[in-house]
Protein backbone atom coordinates (compact mmCIF):
# COMPACT_ATOMS: atom_id res chain seq x y z
CA GLY A 1 0.00 -0.11 0.45
CA LEU A 2 0.80 3.62 0.62
CA MET A 3 3.05 3.39 3.68
CA SER A 4 4.92 0.43 2.08
CA SER A 5 5.88 1.78 -1.15
CA VAL A 6 7.05 5.31 0.89
CA GLU A 7 8.96 3.10 3.40
CA SER A 8 10.83 1.32 0.39
CA TYR A 9 11.27 4.66 -0.97
CA ILE A 10 13.08 6.17 2.07
CA THR A 11 14.71 2.57 2.39
CA ASP A 12 16.23 2.49 -0.61
CA GLU A 13 16.62 6.22 -0.90
CA THR A 14 14.78 6.73 -4.01
CA HIS A 15 15.15 10.78 -4.30
CA ASP A 16 12.80 10.64 -7.70
CA LEU A 17 10.49 13.99 -6.81
CA PRO A 18 7.90 12.75 -9.79
CA ILE A 19 7.67 9.75 -7.36
CA TRP A 20 7.20 12.12 -4.09
CA HIS A 21 4.96 14.16 -5.65
CA LEU A 22 2.70 11.25 -7.12
CA LYS A 23 2.71 9.83 -3.36
CA HIS A 24 1.50 13.15 -2.02
CA LYS A 25 -1.69 13.38 -4.45
CA GLU A 26 -2.08 9.74 -3.41
CA LEU A 27 -2.06 10.79 0.47
CA ILE A 28 -4.52 13.74 -0.18
CA TRP A 29 -6.59 11.41 -2.37
CA TRP A 30 -6.65 9.02 0.36
CA VAL A 31 -7.28 11.19 3.45
CA THR A 32 -9.61 12.88 1.64
CA ARG A 33 -12.00 10.05 0.48
CA TYR A 34 -11.96 8.11 3.64
CA PHE A 35 -12.46 11.28 6.28
CA GLN A 36 -14.81 14.11 6.37
CA ALA A 37 -13.94 17.22 6.67
CA ASP A 38 -14.57 18.17 10.15
CA GLU A 39 -12.39 14.77 11.04
CA LEU A 40 -9.82 16.36 9.31
CA ARG A 41 -10.11 19.94 10.75
CA SER A 42 -9.45 17.90 14.31
CA PHE A 43 -6.73 15.64 13.15
CA PHE A 44 -4.46 18.35 11.69
CA HIS A 45 -5.28 21.36 13.92
CA PRO A 46 -2.84 20.04 16.05
CA MET A 47 -0.23 19.90 14.01
CA THR A 48 -1.01 23.15 11.72
CA ASP A 49 -2.38 24.95 13.87
CA GLU A 50 -4.69 25.93 11.10
CA GLN A 51 -7.60 24.41 8.85
CA ILE A 52 -7.69 22.80 5.62
CA PRO A 53 -7.85 25.59 3.40
CA PHE A 54 -11.51 26.17 2.30
CA LYS A 55 -11.13 25.97 -1.58
CA SER A 56 -9.24 22.61 -0.62
CA VAL A 57 -12.56 21.02 0.50
CA VAL A 58 -14.90 22.56 -1.69
CA LEU A 59 -12.74 21.35 -4.63
CA THR A 60 -12.61 17.97 -2.93
CA HIS A 61 -16.36 17.59 -2.82
CA TYR A 62 -18.02 19.48 -4.96
CA ARG A 63 -18.68 16.82 -7.85
CA LYS A 64 -20.70 14.58 -5.19
CA ALA A 65 -23.21 17.69 -4.62
CA ASN A 66 -26.32 18.34 -6.63
CA ASN A 67 -26.86 21.73 -4.41
CA THR A 68 -25.45 24.47 -2.05
CA GLU A 69 -26.86 22.53 0.98
CA GLU A 70 -25.15 19.26 -0.16
CA LEU A 71 -21.87 21.14 -0.85
CA ALA A 72 -21.93 22.84 2.56
CA ASP A 73 -22.71 19.60 4.00
CA LEU A 74 -20.24 17.83 2.39
CA CYS A 75 -17.69 20.52 3.24
CA GLY A 76 -18.43 20.38 7.27
CA TYR A 77 -20.41 23.81 7.23
CA GLY A 78 -23.89 25.65 7.93
CA ILE A 79 -25.46 26.57 5.03
CA HIS A 80 -25.14 30.58 5.75
CA THR A 81 -21.20 30.18 7.15
CA PHE A 82 -20.41 28.35 3.93
CA ARG A 83 -22.45 30.68 1.46
CA ARG A 84 -20.41 33.57 3.03
CA ILE A 85 -17.00 32.16 3.27
CA PHE A 86 -17.62 30.91 -0.52
CA LYS A 87 -18.06 34.12 -1.84
CA LYS A 88 -15.27 35.52 -0.07
CA GLU A 89 -13.40 32.78 -1.55
CA PHE A 90 -14.88 32.22 -4.88
CA GLY A 91 -16.02 35.66 -5.73
CA ASP A 92 -18.85 33.87 -6.84
CA SER A 93 -22.32 32.24 -5.66
CA VAL A 94 -22.30 28.59 -4.61
CA TYR A 95 -24.69 27.92 -7.13
CA GLN A 96 -23.40 30.03 -10.15
CA TRP A 97 -20.10 28.26 -9.16
CA LEU A 98 -21.49 24.54 -9.49
CA ILE A 99 -23.59 25.07 -12.57
CA GLY A 100 -20.40 26.48 -13.92
CA LYS A 101 -18.13 23.69 -12.95
CA ARG A 102 -21.02 21.24 -14.36
CA ALA A 103 -21.36 22.91 -17.33
CA GLU A 104 -17.57 22.78 -17.76
CA ASN A 105 -17.28 18.97 -16.86
CA ILE A 106 -20.20 18.41 -19.24
CA ARG A 107 -18.58 19.84 -22.25
CA TYR A 108 -15.54 17.82 -21.16
CA ARG A 109 -17.65 14.78 -21.32
CA LEU A 110 -19.17 15.38 -24.55
CA SER A 111 -15.79 15.74 -26.30
CA GLN A 112 -14.93 12.38 -25.39
CA THR A 113 -16.80 10.94 -28.36
CA TYR A 114 -16.66 7.53 -27.27
CA ILE A 115 -19.10 8.63 -24.48
CA PRO A 116 -22.34 7.75 -25.35
CA PHE A 117 -25.06 10.52 -24.52
CA ALA A 118 -27.14 8.08 -22.33
CA ASP A 119 -24.20 7.94 -20.12
CA ILE A 120 -23.53 11.47 -19.74
CA ILE A 121 -27.39 11.95 -19.12
CA ASP A 122 -26.81 9.20 -16.14
CA GLU A 123 -23.56 10.87 -14.70
CA PHE A 124 -25.13 14.35 -14.72
CA ASN A 125 -28.78 12.91 -13.29
CA PHE A 126 -30.31 14.58 -15.84
CA SER A 127 -33.83 12.58 -15.95
CA THR A 128 -34.29 13.00 -19.74
CA PRO A 129 -32.33 13.55 -22.87
CA ALA A 130 -34.33 17.11 -23.57
CA ASN A 131 -32.98 18.04 -19.72
CA LEU A 132 -29.39 17.84 -21.36
CA SER A 133 -30.24 19.34 -24.38
CA ASN A 134 -31.95 22.55 -22.85
CA PHE A 135 -29.09 22.18 -19.90
CA CYS A 136 -26.09 22.32 -22.94
CA ARG A 137 -28.14 25.08 -24.93
CA LYS A 138 -28.59 27.39 -21.95
CA TYR A 139 -25.60 26.83 -20.34
CA LEU A 140 -22.92 26.25 -23.47
CA GLY A 141 -24.80 27.63 -26.25
CA ASP A 142 -25.73 24.65 -28.67
CA THR A 143 -27.05 21.34 -28.27
CA PRO A 144 -25.09 18.37 -27.28
CA THR A 145 -25.00 17.08 -30.57
CA ASN A 146 -23.37 20.40 -31.93
CA LEU A 147 -21.34 20.94 -29.59
CA ARG A 148 -20.07 17.71 -29.87
CA LYS A 149 -19.35 18.30 -33.55
CA LYS A 150 -17.70 21.45 -33.40
CA MET A 151 -15.25 19.84 -30.92
CA GLN A 152 -14.58 16.88 -33.34
CA ALA A 153 -13.88 19.69 -35.89
CA GLU A 154 -11.63 21.79 -34.28
């Protein structure tokens, strides 16, 4: 696992910076996947005397949240405090930011032509193909089919 490979790198005196960067990413992924934000805060606070940066917590959890309330909950904040800190940190409302991220992720998935529209509809919890199409027209400027064709042409 993670710790045994780190131990072997230390024992072997491996001084390969890219490996250490990957291990660091793996550790961060592992910790944020299996522990809640409040658990991480209480664990790291005595060592760092500071909280995990708000942006890092948001970026870790936003894909699992369907709305502001769910994101605040996943990040371990009350809704009003979360909205206030979010606006200060990101310069946008939670709702607008989530819509922008969702549009960005959908655009990326549409660019992957091997992914069927049905999979994108499921992945982003659209109830019908028309809902995906309406979202794309409103936030990406065209239908999923036309967006995909334009991206293929580019």
